[in-house]
Amino acid sequence: MANTDNLKRGNPDTQFRSGREAVENGRQGGIRSGEVRRENKLIKDRILERMGETDWDLMIDKLIERATEDTKSFEVLRDTIGQKPKESLEVQGDGIEIRVHNVE
């Protein structure tokens, strides 16, 4: 049989909400999520509008040119064309040794 006293312990601010409060919190989160999505779409649309069709070729040429001199630009170009190497994360023991490996 369950010990119901365990359910009453703890800080009420960190326990799960129920009923109307949970529904209201979910509703508010959904509303805010919609607002953020609309803002991001507006920003993207404005950027694309200002860039225009002809600027794409110029932007790509500049990115390729910079990639020969700048490591970060090279990584952006490489990742954009789908050539990003896969990475794996390795965590070992109590001494916590973390290594990131590129997987071929």
PDB file of N, CA and C in Angstrom:
ATOM      1  N   MET A   1       0.841  -1.176   0.000  1.00  0.00           N
ATOM      2  CA  MET A   1       0.000   0.000   0.000  1.00  0.00           C
ATOM      3  C   MET A   1       0.883   1.235   0.000  1.00  0.00           C
ATOM      4  N   ALA A   2       0.512   2.243  -0.768  1.00  0.00           N
ATOM      5  CA  ALA A   2       1.312   3.456  -0.925  1.00  0.00           C
ATOM      6  C   ALA A   2       1.240   4.307   0.331  1.00  0.00           C
ATOM      7  N   ASN A   3       2.352   4.983   0.594  1.00  0.00           N
ATOM      8  CA  ASN A   3       2.416   5.899   1.725  1.00  0.00           C
ATOM      9  C   ASN A   3       2.038   7.286   1.212  1.00  0.00           C
ATOM     10  N   THR A   4       0.821   7.739   1.494  1.00  0.00           N
ATOM     11  CA  THR A   4       0.340   9.016   0.960  1.00  0.00           C
ATOM     12  C   THR A   4       1.028  10.211   1.595  1.00  0.00           C
ATOM     13  N   ASP A   5       1.697  10.020   2.738  1.00  0.00           N
ATOM     14  CA  ASP A   5       2.421  11.131   3.357  1.00  0.00           C
ATOM     15  C   ASP A   5       3.571  11.595   2.466  1.00  0.00           C
ATOM     16  N   ASN A   6       4.169  10.673   1.703  1.00  0.00           N
ATOM     17  CA  ASN A   6       5.261  11.039   0.814  1.00  0.00           C
ATOM     18  C   ASN A   6       4.813  12.024  -0.262  1.00  0.00           C
ATOM     19  N   LEU A   7       3.557  11.966  -0.636  1.00  0.00           N
ATOM     20  CA  LEU A   7       3.053  12.840  -1.682  1.00  0.00           C
ATOM     21  C   LEU A   7       2.875  14.267  -1.198  1.00  0.00           C
ATOM     22  N   LYS A   8       2.791  14.466   0.108  1.00  0.00           N
ATOM     23  CA  LYS A   8       2.530  15.784   0.672  1.00  0.00           C
ATOM     24  C   LYS A   8       3.812  16.526   1.016  1.00  0.00           C
ATOM     25  N   ARG A   9       4.945  15.853   0.968  1.00  0.00           N
ATOM     26  CA  ARG A   9       6.215  16.471   1.332  1.00  0.00           C
ATOM     27  C   ARG A   9       6.801  17.256   0.177  1.00  0.00           C
ATOM     28  N   GLY A  10       7.737  18.134   0.494  1.00  0.00           N
ATOM     29  CA  GLY A  10       8.455  18.861  -0.543  1.00  0.00           C
ATOM     30  C   GLY A  10       7.906  20.259  -0.730  1.00  0.00           C
ATOM     31  N   ASN A  11       8.625  20.996  -1.498  1.00  0.00           N
ATOM     32  CA  ASN A  11       8.267  22.373  -1.804  1.00  0.00           C
ATOM     33  C   ASN A  11       7.144  22.383  -2.832  1.00  0.00           C
ATOM     34  N   PRO A  12       6.027  23.041  -2.529  1.00  0.00           N
ATOM     35  CA  PRO A  12       4.911  23.029  -3.481  1.00  0.00           C
ATOM     36  C   PRO A  12       5.255  23.666  -4.830  1.00  0.00           C
ATOM     37  N   ASP A  13       6.257  24.551  -4.865  1.00  0.00           N
ATOM     38  CA  ASP A  13       6.626  25.188  -6.125  1.00  0.00           C
ATOM     39  C   ASP A  13       7.343  24.229  -7.067  1.00  0.00           C
ATOM     40  N   THR A  14       7.877  23.129  -6.535  1.00  0.00           N
ATOM     41  CA  THR A  14       8.610  22.192  -7.391  1.00  0.00           C
ATOM     42  C   THR A  14       7.807  20.945  -7.699  1.00  0.00           C
ATOM     43  N   GLN A  15       6.641  20.802  -7.127  1.00  0.00           N
ATOM     44  CA  GLN A  15       5.816  19.628  -7.398  1.00  0.00           C
ATOM     45  C   GLN A  15       4.973  19.865  -8.644  1.00  0.00           C
ATOM     46  N   PHE A  16       4.463  18.785  -9.215  1.00  0.00           N
ATOM     47  CA  PHE A  16       3.617  18.904 -10.390  1.00  0.00           C
ATOM     48  C   PHE A  16       2.342  19.650 -10.058  1.00  0.00           C
ATOM     49  N   ARG A  17       1.881  20.423 -11.008  1.00  0.00           N
ATOM     50  CA  ARG A  17       0.613  21.137 -10.862  1.00  0.00           C
ATOM     51  C   ARG A  17      -0.499  20.235 -11.376  1.00  0.00           C
ATOM     52  N   SER A  18      -1.690  20.487 -10.909  1.00  0.00           N
ATOM     53  CA  SER A  18      -2.800  19.678 -11.391  1.00  0.00           C
ATOM     54  C   SER A  18      -3.989  20.564 -11.682  1.00  0.00           C
ATOM     55  N   GLY A  19      -4.926  20.015 -12.405  1.00  0.00           N
ATOM     56  CA  GLY A  19      -6.188  20.692 -12.645  1.00  0.00           C
ATOM     57  C   GLY A  19      -6.068  21.962 -13.454  1.00  0.00           C
ATOM     58  N   ARG A  20      -6.822  22.976 -13.033  1.00  0.00           N
ATOM     59  CA  ARG A  20      -6.902  24.245 -13.763  1.00  0.00           C
ATOM     60  C   ARG A  20      -5.555  24.924 -13.936  1.00  0.00           C
ATOM     61  N   GLU A  21      -4.714  24.854 -12.901  1.00  0.00           N
ATOM     62  CA  GLU A  21      -3.415  25.530 -12.968  1.00  0.00           C
ATOM     63  C   GLU A  21      -2.528  24.930 -14.057  1.00  0.00           C
ATOM     64  N   ALA A  22      -2.519  23.613 -14.172  1.00  0.00           N
ATOM     65  CA  ALA A  22      -1.722  22.960 -15.213  1.00  0.00           C
ATOM     66  C   ALA A  22      -2.240  23.317 -16.600  1.00  0.00           C
ATOM     67  N   VAL A  23      -3.559  23.342 -16.736  1.00  0.00           N
ATOM     68  CA  VAL A  23      -4.155  23.692 -18.020  1.00  0.00           C
ATOM     69  C   VAL A  23      -3.799  25.124 -18.387  1.00  0.00           C
ATOM     70  N   GLU A  24      -3.892  26.037 -17.431  1.00  0.00           N
ATOM     71  CA  GLU A  24      -3.589  27.445 -17.689  1.00  0.00           C
ATOM     72  C   GLU A  24      -2.110  27.630 -18.038  1.00  0.00           C
ATOM     73  N   ASN A  25      -1.224  26.948 -17.317  1.00  0.00           N
ATOM     74  CA  ASN A  25       0.206  27.042 -17.628  1.00  0.00           C
ATOM     75  C   ASN A  25       0.499  26.515 -19.034  1.00  0.00           C
ATOM     76  N   GLY A  26      -0.121  25.408 -19.409  1.00  0.00           N
ATOM     77  CA  GLY A  26       0.056  24.855 -20.748  1.00  0.00           C
ATOM     78  C   GLY A  26      -0.472  25.794 -21.813  1.00  0.00           C
ATOM     79  N   ARG A  27      -1.610  26.419 -21.544  1.00  0.00           N
ATOM     80  CA  ARG A  27      -2.212  27.370 -22.477  1.00  0.00           C
ATOM     81  C   ARG A  27      -1.294  28.573 -22.675  1.00  0.00           C
ATOM     82  N   GLN A  28      -0.767  29.112 -21.572  1.00  0.00           N
ATOM     83  CA  GLN A  28       0.124  30.267 -21.663  1.00  0.00           C
ATOM     84  C   GLN A  28       1.406  29.914 -22.429  1.00  0.00           C
ATOM     85  N   GLY A  29       1.924  28.705 -22.187  1.00  0.00           N
ATOM     86  CA  GLY A  29       3.115  28.266 -22.916  1.00  0.00           C
ATOM     87  C   GLY A  29       2.846  28.140 -24.405  1.00  0.00           C
ATOM     88  N   GLY A  30       1.675  27.630 -24.768  1.00  0.00           N
ATOM     89  CA  GLY A  30       1.308  27.509 -26.172  1.00  0.00           C
ATOM     90  C   GLY A  30       1.164  28.869 -26.844  1.00  0.00           C
ATOM     91  N   ILE A  31       0.564  29.820 -26.127  1.00  0.00           N
ATOM     92  CA  ILE A  31       0.404  31.170 -26.669  1.00  0.00           C
ATOM     93  C   ILE A  31       1.772  31.804 -26.904  1.00  0.00           C
ATOM     94  N   ARG A  32       2.657  31.693 -25.927  1.00  0.00           N
ATOM     95  CA  ARG A  32       3.997  32.283 -26.048  1.00  0.00           C
ATOM     96  C   ARG A  32       4.787  31.615 -27.175  1.00  0.00           C
ATOM     97  N   SER A  33       4.645  30.295 -27.300  1.00  0.00           N
ATOM     98  CA  SER A  33       5.329  29.573 -28.369  1.00  0.00           C
ATOM     99  C   SER A  33       4.880  30.089 -29.737  1.00  0.00           C
ATOM    100  N   GLY A  34       3.580  30.312 -29.895  1.00  0.00           N
ATOM    101  CA  GLY A  34       3.060  30.858 -31.145  1.00  0.00           C
ATOM    102  C   GLY A  34       3.602  32.241 -31.430  1.00  0.00           C
ATOM    103  N   GLU A  35       3.704  33.074 -30.390  1.00  0.00           N
ATOM    104  CA  GLU A  35       4.243  34.423 -30.556  1.00  0.00           C
ATOM    105  C   GLU A  35       5.692  34.371 -31.031  1.00  0.00           C
ATOM    106  N   VAL A  36       6.494  33.510 -30.412  1.00  0.00           N
ATOM    107  CA  VAL A  36       7.911  33.397 -30.775  1.00  0.00           C
ATOM    108  C   VAL A  36       8.057  32.878 -32.204  1.00  0.00           C
ATOM    109  N   ARG A  37       7.229  31.903 -32.581  1.00  0.00           N
ATOM    110  CA  ARG A  37       7.294  31.386 -33.957  1.00  0.00           C
ATOM    111  C   ARG A  37       6.955  32.465 -34.973  1.00  0.00           C
ATOM    112  N   ARG A  38       5.925  33.265 -34.678  1.00  0.00           N
ATOM    113  CA  ARG A  38       5.558  34.343 -35.595  1.00  0.00           C
ATOM    114  C   ARG A  38       6.664  35.387 -35.690  1.00  0.00           C
ATOM    115  N   GLU A  39       7.301  35.722 -34.552  1.00  0.00           N
ATOM    116  CA  GLU A  39       8.408  36.676 -34.568  1.00  0.00           C
ATOM    117  C   GLU A  39       9.571  36.156 -35.408  1.00  0.00           C
ATOM    118  N   ASN A  40       9.927  34.882 -35.213  1.00  0.00           N
ATOM    119  CA  ASN A  40      11.036  34.297 -35.971  1.00  0.00           C
ATOM    120  C   ASN A  40      10.734  34.262 -37.468  1.00  0.00           C
ATOM    121  N   LYS A  41       9.480  33.950 -37.829  1.00  0.00           N
ATOM    122  CA  LYS A  41       9.102  33.927 -39.239  1.00  0.00           C
ATOM    123  C   LYS A  41       9.186  35.330 -39.831  1.00  0.00           C
ATOM    124  N   LEU A  42       8.750  36.329 -39.081  1.00  0.00           N
ATOM    125  CA  LEU A  42       8.812  37.710 -39.553  1.00  0.00           C
ATOM    126  C   LEU A  42      10.256  38.139 -39.795  1.00  0.00           C
ATOM    127  N   ILE A  43      11.143  37.801 -38.854  1.00  0.00           N
ATOM    128  CA  ILE A  43      12.563  38.143 -39.007  1.00  0.00           C
ATOM    129  C   ILE A  43      13.137  37.459 -40.246  1.00  0.00           C
ATOM    130  N   LYS A  44      12.847  36.167 -40.406  1.00  0.00           N
ATOM    131  CA  LYS A  44      13.355  35.429 -41.562  1.00  0.00           C
ATOM    132  C   LYS A  44      12.834  36.039 -42.863  1.00  0.00           C
ATOM    133  N   ASP A  45      11.531  36.345 -42.908  1.00  0.00           N
ATOM    134  CA  ASP A  45      10.949  36.926 -44.113  1.00  0.00           C
ATOM    135  C   ASP A  45      11.564  38.284 -44.444  1.00  0.00           C
ATOM    136  N   ARG A  46      11.800  39.103 -43.436  1.00  0.00           N
ATOM    137  CA  ARG A  46      12.398  40.423 -43.669  1.00  0.00           C
ATOM    138  C   ARG A  46      13.828  40.296 -44.194  1.00  0.00           C
ATOM    139  N   ILE A  47      14.588  39.371 -43.626  1.00  0.00           N
ATOM    140  CA  ILE A  47      15.967  39.164 -44.090  1.00  0.00           C
ATOM    141  C   ILE A  47      15.966  38.719 -45.548  1.00  0.00           C
ATOM    142  N   LEU A  48      15.127  37.722 -45.872  1.00  0.00           N
ATOM    143  CA  LEU A  48      15.075  37.225 -47.246  1.00  0.00           C
ATOM    144  C   LEU A  48      14.583  38.303 -48.209  1.00  0.00           C
ATOM    145  N   GLU A  49      13.647  39.120 -47.764  1.00  0.00           N
ATOM    146  CA  GLU A  49      13.130  40.209 -48.595  1.00  0.00           C
ATOM    147  C   GLU A  49      14.228  41.223 -48.919  1.00  0.00           C
ATOM    148  N   ARG A  50      15.030  41.564 -47.912  1.00  0.00           N
ATOM    149  CA  ARG A  50      16.091  42.553 -48.114  1.00  0.00           C
ATOM    150  C   ARG A  50      17.245  41.999 -48.927  1.00  0.00           C
ATOM    151  N   MET A  51      17.468  40.688 -48.846  1.00  0.00           N
ATOM    152  CA  MET A  51      18.571  40.095 -49.597  1.00  0.00           C
ATOM    153  C   MET A  51      18.262  40.046 -51.083  1.00  0.00           C
ATOM    154  N   GLY A  52      17.030  39.767 -51.424  1.00  0.00           N
ATOM    155  CA  GLY A  52      16.662  39.687 -52.838  1.00  0.00           C
ATOM    156  C   GLY A  52      17.237  38.447 -53.500  1.00  0.00           C
ATOM    157  N   GLU A  53      16.839  38.208 -54.721  1.00  0.00           N
ATOM    158  CA  GLU A  53      17.269  37.022 -55.458  1.00  0.00           C
ATOM    159  C   GLU A  53      18.717  37.107 -55.916  1.00  0.00           C
ATOM    160  N   THR A  54      19.162  38.270 -56.361  1.00  0.00           N
ATOM    161  CA  THR A  54      20.496  38.383 -56.951  1.00  0.00           C
ATOM    162  C   THR A  54      21.600  38.321 -55.907  1.00  0.00           C
ATOM    163  N   ASP A  55      21.292  38.616 -54.662  1.00  0.00           N
ATOM    164  CA  ASP A  55      22.321  38.634 -53.633  1.00  0.00           C
ATOM    165  C   ASP A  55      22.794  37.232 -53.230  1.00  0.00           C
ATOM    166  N   TRP A  56      22.027  36.197 -53.549  1.00  0.00           N
ATOM    167  CA  TRP A  56      22.426  34.842 -53.155  1.00  0.00           C
ATOM    168  C   TRP A  56      23.761  34.457 -53.784  1.00  0.00           C
ATOM    169  N   ASP A  57      23.929  34.707 -55.066  1.00  0.00           N
ATOM    170  CA  ASP A  57      25.177  34.345 -55.738  1.00  0.00           C
ATOM    171  C   ASP A  57      26.359  35.095 -55.128  1.00  0.00           C
ATOM    172  N   LEU A  58      26.171  36.380 -54.870  1.00  0.00           N
ATOM    173  CA  LEU A  58      27.230  37.185 -54.275  1.00  0.00           C
ATOM    174  C   LEU A  58      27.584  36.670 -52.878  1.00  0.00           C
ATOM    175  N   MET A  59      26.555  36.336 -52.088  1.00  0.00           N
ATOM    176  CA  MET A  59      26.787  35.840 -50.736  1.00  0.00           C
ATOM    177  C   MET A  59      27.538  34.506 -50.760  1.00  0.00           C
ATOM    178  N   ILE A  60      27.172  33.626 -51.667  1.00  0.00           N
ATOM    179  CA  ILE A  60      27.842  32.328 -51.772  1.00  0.00           C
ATOM    180  C   ILE A  60      29.296  32.510 -52.195  1.00  0.00           C
ATOM    181  N   ASP A  61      29.535  33.391 -53.145  1.00  0.00           N
ATOM    182  CA  ASP A  61      30.909  33.655 -53.585  1.00  0.00           C
ATOM    183  C   ASP A  61      31.762  34.187 -52.433  1.00  0.00           C
ATOM    184  N   LYS A  62      31.200  35.107 -51.643  1.00  0.00           N
ATOM    185  CA  LYS A  62      31.940  35.653 -50.504  1.00  0.00           C
ATOM    186  C   LYS A  62      32.217  34.580 -49.455  1.00  0.00           C
ATOM    187  N   LEU A  63      31.238  33.706 -49.221  1.00  0.00           N
ATOM    188  CA  LEU A  63      31.428  32.630 -48.241  1.00  0.00           C
ATOM    189  C   LEU A  63      32.528  31.682 -48.689  1.00  0.00           C
ATOM    190  N   ILE A  64      32.538  31.324 -49.958  1.00  0.00           N
ATOM    191  CA  ILE A  64      33.586  30.432 -50.471  1.00  0.00           C
ATOM    192  C   ILE A  64      34.952  31.104 -50.363  1.00  0.00           C
ATOM    193  N   GLU A  65      35.018  32.384 -50.700  1.00  0.00           N
ATOM    194  CA  GLU A  65      36.271  33.127 -50.608  1.00  0.00           C
ATOM    195  C   GLU A  65      36.782  33.175 -49.169  1.00  0.00           C
ATOM    196  N   ARG A  66      35.882  33.460 -48.220  1.00  0.00           N
ATOM    197  CA  ARG A  66      36.288  33.529 -46.811  1.00  0.00           C
ATOM    198  C   ARG A  66      36.663  32.169 -46.267  1.00  0.00           C
ATOM    199  N   ALA A  67      36.048  31.101 -46.785  1.00  0.00           N
ATOM    200  CA  ALA A  67      36.325  29.755 -46.288  1.00  0.00           C
ATOM    201  C   ALA A  67      37.762  29.340 -46.533  1.00  0.00           C
ATOM    202  N   THR A  68      38.413  29.936 -47.523  1.00  0.00           N
ATOM    203  CA  THR A  68      39.810  29.600 -47.784  1.00  0.00           C
ATOM    204  C   THR A  68      40.742  30.248 -46.767  1.00  0.00           C
ATOM    205  N   GLU A  69      40.240  31.269 -46.052  1.00  0.00           N
ATOM    206  CA  GLU A  69      41.081  31.999 -45.095  1.00  0.00           C
ATOM    207  C   GLU A  69      40.646  31.832 -43.643  1.00  0.00           C
ATOM    208  N   ASP A  70      39.370  31.513 -43.410  1.00  0.00           N
ATOM    209  CA  ASP A  70      38.803  31.524 -42.065  1.00  0.00           C
ATOM    210  C   ASP A  70      38.212  30.158 -41.733  1.00  0.00           C
ATOM    211  N   THR A  71      38.624  29.586 -40.617  1.00  0.00           N
ATOM    212  CA  THR A  71      38.180  28.254 -40.222  1.00  0.00           C
ATOM    213  C   THR A  71      36.675  28.196 -39.977  1.00  0.00           C
ATOM    214  N   LYS A  72      36.127  29.181 -39.291  1.00  0.00           N
ATOM    215  CA  LYS A  72      34.695  29.174 -38.988  1.00  0.00           C
ATOM    216  C   LYS A  72      33.862  29.260 -40.266  1.00  0.00           C
ATOM    217  N   SER A  73      34.280  30.079 -41.209  1.00  0.00           N
ATOM    218  CA  SER A  73      33.570  30.173 -42.490  1.00  0.00           C
ATOM    219  C   SER A  73      33.627  28.847 -43.236  1.00  0.00           C
ATOM    220  N   PHE A  74      34.775  28.179 -43.156  1.00  0.00           N
ATOM    221  CA  PHE A  74      34.902  26.869 -43.780  1.00  0.00           C
ATOM    222  C   PHE A  74      33.921  25.885 -43.161  1.00  0.00           C
ATOM    223  N   GLU A  75      33.812  25.902 -41.818  1.00  0.00           N
ATOM    224  CA  GLU A  75      32.898  24.987 -41.133  1.00  0.00           C
ATOM    225  C   GLU A  75      31.441  25.259 -41.516  1.00  0.00           C
ATOM    226  N   VAL A  76      31.071  26.527 -41.622  1.00  0.00           N
ATOM    227  CA  VAL A  76      29.708  26.881 -42.035  1.00  0.00           C
ATOM    228  C   VAL A  76      29.441  26.359 -43.441  1.00  0.00           C
ATOM    229  N   LEU A  77      30.370  26.570 -44.338  1.00  0.00           N
ATOM    230  CA  LEU A  77      30.219  26.103 -45.714  1.00  0.00           C
ATOM    231  C   LEU A  77      30.138  24.577 -45.764  1.00  0.00           C
ATOM    232  N   ARG A  78      31.026  23.911 -45.065  1.00  0.00           N
ATOM    233  CA  ARG A  78      31.053  22.449 -45.037  1.00  0.00           C
ATOM    234  C   ARG A  78      29.740  21.892 -44.485  1.00  0.00           C
ATOM    235  N   ASP A  79      29.265  22.464 -43.378  1.00  0.00           N
ATOM    236  CA  ASP A  79      28.035  21.989 -42.749  1.00  0.00           C
ATOM    237  C   ASP A  79      26.825  22.245 -43.646  1.00  0.00           C
ATOM    238  N   THR A  80      26.841  23.371 -44.355  1.00  0.00           N
ATOM    239  CA  THR A  80      25.720  23.739 -45.213  1.00  0.00           C
ATOM    240  C   THR A  80      25.558  22.769 -46.373  1.00  0.00           C
ATOM    241  N   ILE A  81      26.647  22.284 -46.902  1.00  0.00           N
ATOM    242  CA  ILE A  81      26.544  21.355 -48.032  1.00  0.00           C
ATOM    243  C   ILE A  81      26.426  19.904 -47.563  1.00  0.00           C
ATOM    244  N   GLY A  82      26.280  19.705 -46.251  1.00  0.00           N
ATOM    245  CA  GLY A  82      26.006  18.371 -45.721  1.00  0.00           C
ATOM    246  C   GLY A  82      27.219  17.506 -45.498  1.00  0.00           C
ATOM    247  N   GLN A  83      28.384  18.095 -45.332  1.00  0.00           N
ATOM    248  CA  GLN A  83      29.607  17.323 -45.144  1.00  0.00           C
ATOM    249  C   GLN A  83      30.126  17.358 -43.711  1.00  0.00           C
ATOM    250  N   LYS A  84      29.286  17.717 -42.752  1.00  0.00           N
ATOM    251  CA  LYS A  84      29.718  17.793 -41.359  1.00  0.00           C
ATOM    252  C   LYS A  84      30.009  16.390 -40.842  1.00  0.00           C
ATOM    253  N   PRO A  85      31.195  16.194 -40.234  1.00  0.00           N
ATOM    254  CA  PRO A  85      31.506  14.869 -39.693  1.00  0.00           C
ATOM    255  C   PRO A  85      30.652  14.575 -38.467  1.00  0.00           C
ATOM    256  N   LYS A  86      30.312  13.300 -38.294  1.00  0.00           N
ATOM    257  CA  LYS A  86      29.538  12.905 -37.123  1.00  0.00           C
ATOM    258  C   LYS A  86      30.451  12.911 -35.914  1.00  0.00           C
ATOM    259  N   GLU A  87      29.899  13.277 -34.766  1.00  0.00           N
ATOM    260  CA  GLU A  87      30.672  13.336 -33.531  1.00  0.00           C
ATOM    261  C   GLU A  87      30.065  12.397 -32.502  1.00  0.00           C
ATOM    262  N   SER A  88      30.920  11.840 -31.662  1.00  0.00           N
ATOM    263  CA  SER A  88      30.433  11.037 -30.546  1.00  0.00           C
ATOM    264  C   SER A  88      31.048  11.579 -29.265  1.00  0.00           C
ATOM    265  N   LEU A  89      30.358  11.415 -28.173  1.00  0.00           N
ATOM    266  CA  LEU A  89      30.803  11.911 -26.882  1.00  0.00           C
ATOM    267  C   LEU A  89      31.100  10.722 -25.996  1.00  0.00           C
ATOM    268  N   GLU A  90      32.257  10.748 -25.341  1.00  0.00           N
ATOM    269  CA  GLU A  90      32.676   9.644 -24.476  1.00  0.00           C
ATOM    270  C   GLU A  90      32.930  10.187 -23.077  1.00  0.00           C
ATOM    271  N   VAL A  91      32.247   9.614 -22.082  1.00  0.00           N
ATOM    272  CA  VAL A  91      32.422  10.019 -20.692  1.00  0.00           C
ATOM    273  C   VAL A  91      32.917   8.796 -19.933  1.00  0.00           C
ATOM    274  N   GLN A  92      34.004   8.985 -19.127  1.00  0.00           N
ATOM    275  CA  GLN A  92      34.581   7.839 -18.446  1.00  0.00           C
ATOM    276  C   GLN A  92      34.769   8.096 -16.962  1.00  0.00           C
ATOM    277  N   GLY A  93      34.434   7.109 -16.149  1.00  0.00           N
ATOM    278  CA  GLY A  93      34.792   7.003 -14.746  1.00  0.00           C
ATOM    279  C   GLY A  93      34.448   8.151 -13.828  1.00  0.00           C
ATOM    280  N   ASP A  94      34.948   8.008 -12.588  1.00  0.00           N
ATOM    281  CA  ASP A  94      34.685   8.993 -11.548  1.00  0.00           C
ATOM    282  C   ASP A  94      35.496  10.266 -11.738  1.00  0.00           C
ATOM    283  N   GLY A  95      36.636  10.165 -12.405  1.00  0.00           N
ATOM    284  CA  GLY A  95      37.454  11.337 -12.657  1.00  0.00           C
ATOM    285  C   GLY A  95      36.862  12.224 -13.744  1.00  0.00           C
ATOM    286  N   ILE A  96      35.818  11.774 -14.356  1.00  0.00           N
ATOM    287  CA  ILE A  96      35.083  12.474 -15.410  1.00  0.00           C
ATOM    288  C   ILE A  96      36.018  13.000 -16.495  1.00  0.00           C
ATOM    289  N   GLU A  97      36.303  12.140 -17.400  1.00  0.00           N
ATOM    290  CA  GLU A  97      37.097  12.494 -18.565  1.00  0.00           C
ATOM    291  C   GLU A  97      36.164  12.526 -19.765  1.00  0.00           C
ATOM    292  N   ILE A  98      36.070  13.640 -20.431  1.00  0.00           N
ATOM    293  CA  ILE A  98      35.136  13.797 -21.546  1.00  0.00           C
ATOM    294  C   ILE A  98      35.944  13.996 -22.818  1.00  0.00           C
ATOM    295  N   ARG A  99      35.612  13.220 -23.846  1.00  0.00           N
ATOM    296  CA  ARG A  99      36.276  13.325 -25.142  1.00  0.00           C
ATOM    297  C   ARG A  99      35.233  13.418 -26.242  1.00  0.00           C
ATOM    298  N   VAL A 100      35.507  14.249 -27.227  1.00  0.00           N
ATOM    299  CA  VAL A 100      34.639  14.332 -28.404  1.00  0.00           C
ATOM    300  C   VAL A 100      35.423  13.759 -29.577  1.00  0.00           C
ATOM    301  N   HIS A 101      34.812  12.801 -30.267  1.00  0.00           N
ATOM    302  CA  HIS A 101      35.473  12.127 -31.384  1.00  0.00           C
ATOM    303  C   HIS A 101      34.716  12.421 -32.666  1.00  0.00           C
ATOM    304  N   ASN A 102      35.450  12.616 -33.748  1.00  0.00           N
ATOM    305  CA  ASN A 102      34.834  12.645 -35.067  1.00  0.00           C
ATOM    306  C   ASN A 102      34.740  11.210 -35.556  1.00  0.00           C
ATOM    307  N   VAL A 103      33.564  10.808 -35.993  1.00  0.00           N
ATOM    308  CA  VAL A 103      33.340   9.449 -36.456  1.00  0.00           C
ATOM    309  C   VAL A 103      33.375   9.454 -37.966  1.00  0.00           C
ATOM    310  N   GLU A 104      34.204   8.630 -38.538  1.00  0.00           N
ATOM    311  CA  GLU A 104      34.333   8.557 -40.012  1.00  0.00           C
ATOM    312  C   GLU A 104      33.265   7.678 -40.564  1.00  0.00           C
TER     313      GLU A 104
END
